[in-house]
Amino acid sequence: RDFETNTMVWQVRTAESEKGFARIRARTLHKVVEEPLFGADIVMTI
């Protein structure tokens, strides 16, 4: 949250924030099956 590196800005973006701002977004939801279809617990993108 509100993190800045040398030349970049990284920040949480909520649904109400302006589009295009740097962000890290996380969405979680309990699984509805015992085993995930593709084996993954986490999908991480940049």
ModelCIF file with pLDDT and N, C-alpha, C, O atoms, coordinates in Angstrom:
data_MODEL
#
_entry.id   MODEL 
#
_entity.id                         1 
_entity.type                       polymer 
_entity.pdbx_number_of_molecules   1 
#
_entity_poly.entity_id                      1 
_entity_poly.type                           'polypeptide(L)' 
_entity_poly.nstd_linkage                   no 
_entity_poly.nstd_monomer                   no 
_entity_poly.pdbx_seq_one_letter_code       RDFETNTMVWQVRTAESEKGFARIRARTLHKVVEEPLFGADIVMTI 
_entity_poly.pdbx_seq_one_letter_code_can   RDFETNTMVWQVRTAESEKGFARIRARTLHKVVEEPLFGADIVMTI 
_entity_poly.pdbx_strand_id                 A 
#
loop_
_entity_poly_seq.entity_id 
_entity_poly_seq.num 
_entity_poly_seq.mon_id 
_entity_poly_seq.hetero 
1 1  ARG n 
1 2  ASP n 
1 3  PHE n 
1 4  GLU n 
1 5  THR n 
1 6  ASN n 
1 7  THR n 
1 8  MET n 
1 9  VAL n 
1 10 TRP n 
1 11 GLN n 
1 12 VAL n 
1 13 ARG n 
1 14 THR n 
1 15 ALA n 
1 16 GLU n 
1 17 SER n 
1 18 GLU n 
1 19 LYS n 
1 20 GLY n 
1 21 PHE n 
1 22 ALA n 
1 23 ARG n 
1 24 ILE n 
1 25 ARG n 
1 26 ALA n 
1 27 ARG n 
1 28 THR n 
1 29 LEU n 
1 30 HIS n 
1 31 LYS n 
1 32 VAL n 
1 33 VAL n 
1 34 GLU n 
1 35 GLU n 
1 36 PRO n 
1 37 LEU n 
1 38 PHE n 
1 39 GLY n 
1 40 ALA n 
1 41 ASP n 
1 42 ILE n 
1 43 VAL n 
1 44 MET n 
1 45 THR n 
1 46 ILE n 
#
_struct_asym.id          A 
_struct_asym.entity_id   1 
#
loop_
_ma_qa_metric.id 
_ma_qa_metric.mode 
_ma_qa_metric.name 
_ma_qa_metric.software_group_id 
_ma_qa_metric.type 
1 global pLDDT . pLDDT 
2 local  pLDDT . pLDDT 
#
_ma_qa_metric_global.metric_id      1 
_ma_qa_metric_global.metric_value   58.65 
_ma_qa_metric_global.model_id       1 
_ma_qa_metric_global.ordinal_id     1 
#
loop_
_ma_qa_metric_local.label_asym_id 
_ma_qa_metric_local.label_comp_id 
_ma_qa_metric_local.label_seq_id 
_ma_qa_metric_local.metric_id 
_ma_qa_metric_local.metric_value 
_ma_qa_metric_local.model_id 
_ma_qa_metric_local.ordinal_id 
A ARG 1  2 78.00 1 1  
A ASP 2  2 77.00 1 2  
A PHE 3  2 88.00 1 3  
A GLU 4  2 90.00 1 4  
A THR 5  2 92.00 1 5  
A ASN 6  2 91.00 1 6  
A THR 7  2 90.00 1 7  
A MET 8  2 91.00 1 8  
A VAL 9  2 87.00 1 9  
A TRP 10 2 86.00 1 10 
A GLN 11 2 62.00 1 11 
A VAL 12 2 50.00 1 12 
A ARG 13 2 45.00 1 13 
A THR 14 2 34.00 1 14 
A ALA 15 2 27.00 1 15 
A GLU 16 2 24.00 1 16 
A SER 17 2 26.00 1 17 
A GLU 18 2 36.00 1 18 
A LYS 19 2 36.00 1 19 
A GLY 20 2 36.00 1 20 
A PHE 21 2 41.00 1 21 
A ALA 22 2 43.00 1 22 
A ARG 23 2 45.00 1 23 
A ILE 24 2 51.00 1 24 
A ARG 25 2 50.00 1 25 
A ALA 26 2 53.00 1 26 
A ARG 27 2 51.00 1 27 
A THR 28 2 48.00 1 28 
A LEU 29 2 45.00 1 29 
A HIS 30 2 40.00 1 30 
A LYS 31 2 40.00 1 31 
A VAL 32 2 36.00 1 32 
A VAL 33 2 38.00 1 33 
A GLU 34 2 39.00 1 34 
A GLU 35 2 41.00 1 35 
A PRO 36 2 43.00 1 36 
A LEU 37 2 46.00 1 37 
A PHE 38 2 52.00 1 38 
A GLY 39 2 59.00 1 39 
A ALA 40 2 74.00 1 40 
A ASP 41 2 83.00 1 41 
A ILE 42 2 86.00 1 42 
A VAL 43 2 86.00 1 43 
A MET 44 2 87.00 1 44 
A THR 45 2 87.00 1 45 
A ILE 46 2 88.00 1 46 
#
loop_
_atom_site.group_PDB 
_atom_site.id 
_atom_site.type_symbol 
_atom_site.label_atom_id 
_atom_site.label_alt_id 
_atom_site.label_comp_id 
_atom_site.label_asym_id 
_atom_site.label_entity_id 
_atom_site.label_seq_id 
_atom_site.pdbx_PDB_ins_code 
_atom_site.Cartn_x 
_atom_site.Cartn_y 
_atom_site.Cartn_z 
_atom_site.occupancy 
_atom_site.B_iso_or_equiv 
_atom_site.pdbx_formal_charge 
_atom_site.auth_seq_id 
_atom_site.auth_comp_id 
_atom_site.auth_asym_id 
_atom_site.auth_atom_id 
_atom_site.pdbx_PDB_model_num 
ATOM 1   N N  . ARG A 1 1  ? 0.839   -1.195  0.000   1.00 78.00 ? 1  ARG A N  1 
ATOM 2   C CA . ARG A 1 1  ? 0.000   0.000   0.000   1.00 78.00 ? 1  ARG A CA 1 
ATOM 3   C C  . ARG A 1 1  ? 0.880   1.253   0.000   1.00 78.00 ? 1  ARG A C  1 
ATOM 4   O O  . ARG A 1 1  ? 1.743   1.412   0.863   1.00 78.00 ? 1  ARG A O  1 
ATOM 5   N N  . ASP A 1 2  ? 0.654   2.140   -0.974  1.00 77.00 ? 2  ASP A N  1 
ATOM 6   C CA . ASP A 1 2  ? 1.412   3.391   -1.096  1.00 77.00 ? 2  ASP A CA 1 
ATOM 7   C C  . ASP A 1 2  ? 2.918   3.150   -1.224  1.00 77.00 ? 2  ASP A C  1 
ATOM 8   O O  . ASP A 1 2  ? 3.713   3.954   -0.736  1.00 77.00 ? 2  ASP A O  1 
ATOM 9   N N  . PHE A 1 3  ? 3.312   2.074   -1.862  1.00 88.00 ? 3  PHE A N  1 
ATOM 10  C CA . PHE A 1 3  ? 4.736   1.738   -1.973  1.00 88.00 ? 3  PHE A CA 1 
ATOM 11  C C  . PHE A 1 3  ? 5.350   2.329   -3.233  1.00 88.00 ? 3  PHE A C  1 
ATOM 12  O O  . PHE A 1 3  ? 4.770   2.229   -4.314  1.00 88.00 ? 3  PHE A O  1 
ATOM 13  N N  . GLU A 1 4  ? 6.516   2.942   -3.100  1.00 90.00 ? 4  GLU A N  1 
ATOM 14  C CA . GLU A 1 4  ? 7.248   3.500   -4.231  1.00 90.00 ? 4  GLU A CA 1 
ATOM 15  C C  . GLU A 1 4  ? 8.643   2.903   -4.280  1.00 90.00 ? 4  GLU A C  1 
ATOM 16  O O  . GLU A 1 4  ? 9.320   2.770   -3.261  1.00 90.00 ? 4  GLU A O  1 
ATOM 17  N N  . THR A 1 5  ? 9.061   2.543   -5.502  1.00 92.00 ? 5  THR A N  1 
ATOM 18  C CA . THR A 1 5  ? 10.438  2.116   -5.706  1.00 92.00 ? 5  THR A CA 1 
ATOM 19  C C  . THR A 1 5  ? 11.187  3.259   -6.382  1.00 92.00 ? 5  THR A C  1 
ATOM 20  O O  . THR A 1 5  ? 10.693  4.386   -6.406  1.00 92.00 ? 5  THR A O  1 
ATOM 21  N N  . ASN A 1 6  ? 12.350  2.995   -6.921  1.00 91.00 ? 6  ASN A N  1 
ATOM 22  C CA . ASN A 1 6  ? 13.199  4.061   -7.441  1.00 91.00 ? 6  ASN A CA 1 
ATOM 23  C C  . ASN A 1 6  ? 12.494  4.942   -8.472  1.00 91.00 ? 6  ASN A C  1 
ATOM 24  O O  . ASN A 1 6  ? 12.528  6.168   -8.374  1.00 91.00 ? 6  ASN A O  1 
ATOM 25  N N  . THR A 1 7  ? 11.857  4.314   -9.458  1.00 90.00 ? 7  THR A N  1 
ATOM 26  C CA . THR A 1 7  ? 11.200  5.095   -10.518 1.00 90.00 ? 7  THR A CA 1 
ATOM 27  C C  . THR A 1 7  ? 9.734   4.748   -10.701 1.00 90.00 ? 7  THR A C  1 
ATOM 28  O O  . THR A 1 7  ? 9.060   5.340   -11.543 1.00 90.00 ? 7  THR A O  1 
ATOM 29  N N  . MET A 1 8  ? 9.224   3.785   -9.915  1.00 91.00 ? 8  MET A N  1 
ATOM 30  C CA . MET A 1 8  ? 7.866   3.295   -10.113 1.00 91.00 ? 8  MET A CA 1 
ATOM 31  C C  . MET A 1 8  ? 6.994   3.529   -8.882  1.00 91.00 ? 8  MET A C  1 
ATOM 32  O O  . MET A 1 8  ? 7.490   3.723   -7.772  1.00 91.00 ? 8  MET A O  1 
ATOM 33  N N  . VAL A 1 9  ? 5.689   3.504   -9.112  1.00 87.00 ? 9  VAL A N  1 
ATOM 34  C CA . VAL A 1 9  ? 4.700   3.614   -8.047  1.00 87.00 ? 9  VAL A CA 1 
ATOM 35  C C  . VAL A 1 9  ? 3.876   2.333   -8.016  1.00 87.00 ? 9  VAL A C  1 
ATOM 36  O O  . VAL A 1 9  ? 3.431   1.851   -9.058  1.00 87.00 ? 9  VAL A O  1 
ATOM 37  N N  . TRP A 1 10 ? 3.668   1.772   -6.802  1.00 86.00 ? 10 TRP A N  1 
ATOM 38  C CA . TRP A 1 10 ? 2.896   0.540   -6.634  1.00 86.00 ? 10 TRP A CA 1 
ATOM 39  C C  . TRP A 1 10 ? 1.885   0.798   -5.524  1.00 86.00 ? 10 TRP A C  1 
ATOM 40  O O  . TRP A 1 10 ? 2.262   1.219   -4.430  1.00 86.00 ? 10 TRP A O  1 
ATOM 41  N N  . GLN A 1 11 ? 0.630   0.555   -5.788  1.00 62.00 ? 11 GLN A N  1 
ATOM 42  C CA . GLN A 1 11 ? -0.375  0.865   -4.794  1.00 62.00 ? 11 GLN A CA 1 
ATOM 43  C C  . GLN A 1 11 ? -1.616  0.010   -4.966  1.00 62.00 ? 11 GLN A C  1 
ATOM 44  O O  . GLN A 1 11 ? -1.916  -0.441  -6.071  1.00 62.00 ? 11 GLN A O  1 
ATOM 45  N N  . VAL A 1 12 ? -2.331  -0.211  -3.889  1.00 50.00 ? 12 VAL A N  1 
ATOM 46  C CA . VAL A 1 12 ? -3.586  -0.942  -3.948  1.00 50.00 ? 12 VAL A CA 1 
ATOM 47  C C  . VAL A 1 12 ? -4.610  -0.123  -4.720  1.00 50.00 ? 12 VAL A C  1 
ATOM 48  O O  . VAL A 1 12 ? -4.721  1.086   -4.516  1.00 50.00 ? 12 VAL A O  1 
ATOM 49  N N  . ARG A 1 13 ? -5.347  -0.765  -5.592  1.00 45.00 ? 13 ARG A N  1 
ATOM 50  C CA . ARG A 1 13 ? -6.435  -0.090  -6.284  1.00 45.00 ? 13 ARG A CA 1 
ATOM 51  C C  . ARG A 1 13 ? -7.745  -0.792  -5.968  1.00 45.00 ? 13 ARG A C  1 
ATOM 52  O O  . ARG A 1 13 ? -7.869  -2.000  -6.169  1.00 45.00 ? 13 ARG A O  1 
ATOM 53  N N  . THR A 1 14 ? -8.698  -0.059  -5.487  1.00 34.00 ? 14 THR A N  1 
ATOM 54  C CA . THR A 1 14 ? -10.016 -0.622  -5.223  1.00 34.00 ? 14 THR A CA 1 
ATOM 55  C C  . THR A 1 14 ? -10.909 -0.372  -6.421  1.00 34.00 ? 14 THR A C  1 
ATOM 56  O O  . THR A 1 14 ? -10.491 0.270   -7.385  1.00 34.00 ? 14 THR A O  1 
ATOM 57  N N  . ALA A 1 15 ? -12.124 -0.868  -6.372  1.00 27.00 ? 15 ALA A N  1 
ATOM 58  C CA . ALA A 1 15 ? -13.057 -0.713  -7.490  1.00 27.00 ? 15 ALA A CA 1 
ATOM 59  C C  . ALA A 1 15 ? -13.424 0.748   -7.698  1.00 27.00 ? 15 ALA A C  1 
ATOM 60  O O  . ALA A 1 15 ? -13.824 1.141   -8.794  1.00 27.00 ? 15 ALA A O  1 
ATOM 61  N N  . GLU A 1 16 ? -13.288 1.563   -6.636  1.00 24.00 ? 16 GLU A N  1 
ATOM 62  C CA . GLU A 1 16 ? -13.691 2.961   -6.744  1.00 24.00 ? 16 GLU A CA 1 
ATOM 63  C C  . GLU A 1 16 ? -12.565 3.869   -7.224  1.00 24.00 ? 16 GLU A C  1 
ATOM 64  O O  . GLU A 1 16 ? -12.809 5.039   -7.516  1.00 24.00 ? 16 GLU A O  1 
ATOM 65  N N  . SER A 1 17 ? -11.324 3.354   -7.314  1.00 26.00 ? 17 SER A N  1 
ATOM 66  C CA . SER A 1 17 ? -10.201 4.206   -7.682  1.00 26.00 ? 17 SER A CA 1 
ATOM 67  C C  . SER A 1 17 ? -10.203 4.525   -9.163  1.00 26.00 ? 17 SER A C  1 
ATOM 68  O O  . SER A 1 17 ? -10.879 3.859   -9.947  1.00 26.00 ? 17 SER A O  1 
ATOM 69  N N  . GLU A 1 18 ? -9.448  5.542   -9.546  1.00 36.00 ? 18 GLU A N  1 
ATOM 70  C CA . GLU A 1 18 ? -9.344  5.919   -10.952 1.00 36.00 ? 18 GLU A CA 1 
ATOM 71  C C  . GLU A 1 18 ? -8.649  4.820   -11.742 1.00 36.00 ? 18 GLU A C  1 
ATOM 72  O O  . GLU A 1 18 ? -7.770  4.132   -11.222 1.00 36.00 ? 18 GLU A O  1 
ATOM 73  N N  . LYS A 1 19 ? -9.042  4.659   -12.985 1.00 36.00 ? 19 LYS A N  1 
ATOM 74  C CA . LYS A 1 19 ? -8.418  3.659   -13.839 1.00 36.00 ? 19 LYS A CA 1 
ATOM 75  C C  . LYS A 1 19 ? -6.976  4.050   -14.160 1.00 36.00 ? 19 LYS A C  1 
ATOM 76  O O  . LYS A 1 19 ? -6.626  5.228   -14.234 1.00 36.00 ? 19 LYS A O  1 
ATOM 77  N N  . GLY A 1 20 ? -6.161  3.018   -14.348 1.00 36.00 ? 20 GLY A N  1 
ATOM 78  C CA . GLY A 1 20 ? -4.813  3.260   -14.832 1.00 36.00 ? 20 GLY A CA 1 
ATOM 79  C C  . GLY A 1 20 ? -3.781  3.501   -13.756 1.00 36.00 ? 20 GLY A C  1 
ATOM 80  O O  . GLY A 1 20 ? -2.589  3.578   -14.055 1.00 36.00 ? 20 GLY A O  1 
ATOM 81  N N  . PHE A 1 21 ? -4.214  3.625   -12.484 1.00 41.00 ? 21 PHE A N  1 
ATOM 82  C CA . PHE A 1 21 ? -3.215  3.867   -11.437 1.00 41.00 ? 21 PHE A CA 1 
ATOM 83  C C  . PHE A 1 21 ? -2.536  2.567   -11.072 1.00 41.00 ? 21 PHE A C  1 
ATOM 84  O O  . PHE A 1 21 ? -3.149  1.502   -11.146 1.00 41.00 ? 21 PHE A O  1 
ATOM 85  N N  . ALA A 1 22 ? -1.285  2.641   -10.681 1.00 43.00 ? 22 ALA A N  1 
ATOM 86  C CA . ALA A 1 22 ? -0.551  1.430   -10.315 1.00 43.00 ? 22 ALA A CA 1 
ATOM 87  C C  . ALA A 1 22 ? -1.238  0.763   -9.140  1.00 43.00 ? 22 ALA A C  1 
ATOM 88  O O  . ALA A 1 22 ? -1.782  1.440   -8.268  1.00 43.00 ? 22 ALA A O  1 
ATOM 89  N N  . ARG A 1 23 ? -1.217  -0.544  -9.114  1.00 45.00 ? 23 ARG A N  1 
ATOM 90  C CA . ARG A 1 23 ? -1.943  -1.218  -8.052  1.00 45.00 ? 23 ARG A CA 1 
ATOM 91  C C  . ARG A 1 23 ? -1.456  -2.633  -7.835  1.00 45.00 ? 23 ARG A C  1 
ATOM 92  O O  . ARG A 1 23 ? -0.777  -3.213  -8.684  1.00 45.00 ? 23 ARG A O  1 
ATOM 93  N N  . ILE A 1 24 ? -1.804  -3.169  -6.711  1.00 51.00 ? 24 ILE A N  1 
ATOM 94  C CA . ILE A 1 24 ? -1.760  -4.611  -6.517  1.00 51.00 ? 24 ILE A CA 1 
ATOM 95  C C  . ILE A 1 24 ? -3.158  -4.993  -6.094  1.00 51.00 ? 24 ILE A C  1 
ATOM 96  O O  . ILE A 1 24 ? -3.697  -4.434  -5.139  1.00 51.00 ? 24 ILE A O  1 
ATOM 97  N N  . ARG A 1 25 ? -3.747  -5.937  -6.793  1.00 50.00 ? 25 ARG A N  1 
ATOM 98  C CA . ARG A 1 25 ? -5.104  -6.326  -6.485  1.00 50.00 ? 25 ARG A CA 1 
ATOM 99  C C  . ARG A 1 25 ? -5.104  -7.778  -6.052  1.00 50.00 ? 25 ARG A C  1 
ATOM 100 O O  . ARG A 1 25 ? -4.381  -8.597  -6.619  1.00 50.00 ? 25 ARG A O  1 
ATOM 101 N N  . ALA A 1 26 ? -5.890  -8.095  -5.077  1.00 53.00 ? 26 ALA A N  1 
ATOM 102 C CA . ALA A 1 26 ? -5.982  -9.472  -4.606  1.00 53.00 ? 26 ALA A CA 1 
ATOM 103 C C  . ALA A 1 26 ? -7.444  -9.833  -4.410  1.00 53.00 ? 26 ALA A C  1 
ATOM 104 O O  . ALA A 1 26 ? -8.196  -9.080  -3.791  1.00 53.00 ? 26 ALA A O  1 
ATOM 105 N N  . ARG A 1 27 ? -7.846  -10.974 -4.933  1.00 51.00 ? 27 ARG A N  1 
ATOM 106 C CA . ARG A 1 27 ? -9.218  -11.438 -4.806  1.00 51.00 ? 27 ARG A CA 1 
ATOM 107 C C  . ARG A 1 27 ? -9.180  -12.885 -4.327  1.00 51.00 ? 27 ARG A C  1 
ATOM 108 O O  . ARG A 1 27 ? -8.493  -13.712 -4.925  1.00 51.00 ? 27 ARG A O  1 
ATOM 109 N N  . THR A 1 28 ? -9.890  -13.195 -3.284  1.00 48.00 ? 28 THR A N  1 
ATOM 110 C CA . THR A 1 28 ? -9.886  -14.563 -2.774  1.00 48.00 ? 28 THR A CA 1 
ATOM 111 C C  . THR A 1 28 ? -11.309 -15.080 -2.647  1.00 48.00 ? 28 THR A C  1 
ATOM 112 O O  . THR A 1 28 ? -12.254 -14.316 -2.452  1.00 48.00 ? 28 THR A O  1 
ATOM 113 N N  . LEU A 1 29 ? -11.437 -16.380 -2.759  1.00 45.00 ? 29 LEU A N  1 
ATOM 114 C CA . LEU A 1 29 ? -12.740 -17.002 -2.602  1.00 45.00 ? 29 LEU A CA 1 
ATOM 115 C C  . LEU A 1 29 ? -12.503 -18.471 -2.294  1.00 45.00 ? 29 LEU A C  1 
ATOM 116 O O  . LEU A 1 29 ? -11.667 -19.119 -2.925  1.00 45.00 ? 29 LEU A O  1 
ATOM 117 N N  . HIS A 1 30 ? -13.239 -18.993 -1.325  1.00 40.00 ? 30 HIS A N  1 
ATOM 118 C CA . HIS A 1 30 ? -13.051 -20.399 -0.984  1.00 40.00 ? 30 HIS A CA 1 
ATOM 119 C C  . HIS A 1 30 ? -13.430 -21.294 -2.159  1.00 40.00 ? 30 HIS A C  1 
ATOM 120 O O  . HIS A 1 30 ? -14.372 -21.003 -2.895  1.00 40.00 ? 30 HIS A O  1 
ATOM 121 N N  . LYS A 1 31 ? -12.699 -22.367 -2.323  1.00 40.00 ? 31 LYS A N  1 
ATOM 122 C CA . LYS A 1 31 ? -12.974 -23.296 -3.402  1.00 40.00 ? 31 LYS A CA 1 
ATOM 123 C C  . LYS A 1 31 ? -14.284 -24.028 -3.163  1.00 40.00 ? 31 LYS A C  1 
ATOM 124 O O  . LYS A 1 31 ? -14.694 -24.236 -2.021  1.00 40.00 ? 31 LYS A O  1 
ATOM 125 N N  . VAL A 1 32 ? -14.926 -24.409 -4.236  1.00 36.00 ? 32 VAL A N  1 
ATOM 126 C CA . VAL A 1 32 ? -16.193 -25.106 -4.113  1.00 36.00 ? 32 VAL A CA 1 
ATOM 127 C C  . VAL A 1 32 ? -16.028 -26.595 -4.411  1.00 36.00 ? 32 VAL A C  1 
ATOM 128 O O  . VAL A 1 32 ? -16.990 -27.360 -4.337  1.00 36.00 ? 32 VAL A O  1 
ATOM 129 N N  . VAL A 1 33 ? -14.808 -26.998 -4.747  1.00 38.00 ? 33 VAL A N  1 
ATOM 130 C CA . VAL A 1 33 ? -14.522 -28.408 -4.959  1.00 38.00 ? 33 VAL A CA 1 
ATOM 131 C C  . VAL A 1 33 ? -13.300 -28.767 -4.145  1.00 38.00 ? 33 VAL A C  1 
ATOM 132 O O  . VAL A 1 33 ? -12.523 -27.892 -3.764  1.00 38.00 ? 33 VAL A O  1 
ATOM 133 N N  . GLU A 1 34 ? -13.124 -30.058 -3.875  1.00 39.00 ? 34 GLU A N  1 
ATOM 134 C CA . GLU A 1 34 ? -12.007 -30.484 -3.032  1.00 39.00 ? 34 GLU A CA 1 
ATOM 135 C C  . GLU A 1 34 ? -10.673 -30.234 -3.707  1.00 39.00 ? 34 GLU A C  1 
ATOM 136 O O  . GLU A 1 34 ? -9.728  -29.784 -3.058  1.00 39.00 ? 34 GLU A O  1 
ATOM 137 N N  . GLU A 1 35 ? -10.576 -30.523 -5.019  1.00 41.00 ? 35 GLU A N  1 
ATOM 138 C CA . GLU A 1 35 ? -9.344  -30.301 -5.747  1.00 41.00 ? 35 GLU A CA 1 
ATOM 139 C C  . GLU A 1 35 ? -9.588  -29.289 -6.864  1.00 41.00 ? 35 GLU A C  1 
ATOM 140 O O  . GLU A 1 35 ? -10.593 -29.383 -7.568  1.00 41.00 ? 35 GLU A O  1 
ATOM 141 N N  . PRO A 1 36 ? -8.678  -28.316 -7.039  1.00 43.00 ? 36 PRO A N  1 
ATOM 142 C CA . PRO A 1 36 ? -8.852  -27.353 -8.125  1.00 43.00 ? 36 PRO A CA 1 
ATOM 143 C C  . PRO A 1 36 ? -8.671  -28.038 -9.470  1.00 43.00 ? 36 PRO A C  1 
ATOM 144 O O  . PRO A 1 36 ? -7.892  -28.982 -9.604  1.00 43.00 ? 36 PRO A O  1 
ATOM 145 N N  . LEU A 1 37 ? -9.399  -27.551 -10.456 1.00 46.00 ? 37 LEU A N  1 
ATOM 146 C CA . LEU A 1 37 ? -9.381  -28.180 -11.771 1.00 46.00 ? 37 LEU A CA 1 
ATOM 147 C C  . LEU A 1 37 ? -7.994  -28.186 -12.389 1.00 46.00 ? 37 LEU A C  1 
ATOM 148 O O  . LEU A 1 37 ? -7.599  -29.169 -13.017 1.00 46.00 ? 37 LEU A O  1 
ATOM 149 N N  . PHE A 1 38 ? -7.239  -27.086 -12.216 1.00 52.00 ? 38 PHE A N  1 
ATOM 150 C CA . PHE A 1 38 ? -5.922  -26.994 -12.826 1.00 52.00 ? 38 PHE A CA 1 
ATOM 151 C C  . PHE A 1 38 ? -4.797  -27.032 -11.793 1.00 52.00 ? 38 PHE A C  1 
ATOM 152 O O  . PHE A 1 38 ? -3.656  -26.709 -12.122 1.00 52.00 ? 38 PHE A O  1 
ATOM 153 N N  . GLY A 1 39 ? -5.089  -27.414 -10.568 1.00 59.00 ? 39 GLY A N  1 
ATOM 154 C CA . GLY A 1 39 ? -4.049  -27.631 -9.585  1.00 59.00 ? 39 GLY A CA 1 
ATOM 155 C C  . GLY A 1 39 ? -3.539  -26.401 -8.864  1.00 59.00 ? 39 GLY A C  1 
ATOM 156 O O  . GLY A 1 39 ? -2.824  -26.544 -7.872  1.00 59.00 ? 39 GLY A O  1 
ATOM 157 N N  . ALA A 1 40 ? -3.871  -25.199 -9.313  1.00 74.00 ? 40 ALA A N  1 
ATOM 158 C CA . ALA A 1 40 ? -3.270  -23.995 -8.753  1.00 74.00 ? 40 ALA A CA 1 
ATOM 159 C C  . ALA A 1 40 ? -4.041  -23.464 -7.555  1.00 74.00 ? 40 ALA A C  1 
ATOM 160 O O  . ALA A 1 40 ? -5.272  -23.448 -7.557  1.00 74.00 ? 40 ALA A O  1 
ATOM 161 N N  . ASP A 1 41 ? -3.322  -23.036 -6.544  1.00 83.00 ? 41 ASP A N  1 
ATOM 162 C CA . ASP A 1 41 ? -3.912  -22.283 -5.443  1.00 83.00 ? 41 ASP A CA 1 
ATOM 163 C C  . ASP A 1 41 ? -3.902  -20.796 -5.764  1.00 83.00 ? 41 ASP A C  1 
ATOM 164 O O  . ASP A 1 41 ? -4.828  -20.061 -5.419  1.00 83.00 ? 41 ASP A O  1 
ATOM 165 N N  . ILE A 1 42 ? -2.828  -20.364 -6.436  1.00 86.00 ? 42 ILE A N  1 
ATOM 166 C CA . ILE A 1 42 ? -2.606  -18.940 -6.660  1.00 86.00 ? 42 ILE A CA 1 
ATOM 167 C C  . ILE A 1 42 ? -2.317  -18.676 -8.135  1.00 86.00 ? 42 ILE A C  1 
ATOM 168 O O  . ILE A 1 42 ? -1.499  -19.360 -8.750  1.00 86.00 ? 42 ILE A O  1 
ATOM 169 N N  . VAL A 1 43 ? -2.988  -17.692 -8.686  1.00 86.00 ? 43 VAL A N  1 
ATOM 170 C CA . VAL A 1 43 ? -2.648  -17.152 -10.002 1.00 86.00 ? 43 VAL A CA 1 
ATOM 171 C C  . VAL A 1 43 ? -2.061  -15.768 -9.739  1.00 86.00 ? 43 VAL A C  1 
ATOM 172 O O  . VAL A 1 43 ? -2.749  -14.901 -9.200  1.00 86.00 ? 43 VAL A O  1 
ATOM 173 N N  . MET A 1 44 ? -0.822  -15.554 -10.105 1.00 87.00 ? 44 MET A N  1 
ATOM 174 C CA . MET A 1 44 ? -0.189  -14.261 -9.861  1.00 87.00 ? 44 MET A CA 1 
ATOM 175 C C  . MET A 1 44 ? 0.211   -13.631 -11.181 1.00 87.00 ? 44 MET A C  1 
ATOM 176 O O  . MET A 1 44 ? 0.885   -14.261 -11.996 1.00 87.00 ? 44 MET A O  1 
ATOM 177 N N  . THR A 1 45 ? -0.201  -12.391 -11.395 1.00 87.00 ? 45 THR A N  1 
ATOM 178 C CA . THR A 1 45 ? 0.139   -11.681 -12.621 1.00 87.00 ? 45 THR A CA 1 
ATOM 179 C C  . THR A 1 45 ? 0.813   -10.366 -12.290 1.00 87.00 ? 45 THR A C  1 
ATOM 180 O O  . THR A 1 45 ? 0.682   -9.839  -11.185 1.00 87.00 ? 45 THR A O  1 
ATOM 181 N N  . ILE A 1 46 ? 1.529   -9.852  -13.258 1.00 88.00 ? 46 ILE A N  1 
ATOM 182 C CA . ILE A 1 46 ? 2.164   -8.546  -13.107 1.00 88.00 ? 46 ILE A CA 1 
ATOM 183 C C  . ILE A 1 46 ? 1.873   -7.720  -14.354 1.00 88.00 ? 46 ILE A C  1 
ATOM 184 O O  . ILE A 1 46 ? 2.311   -6.574  -14.451 1.00 88.00 ? 46 ILE A O  1 
#
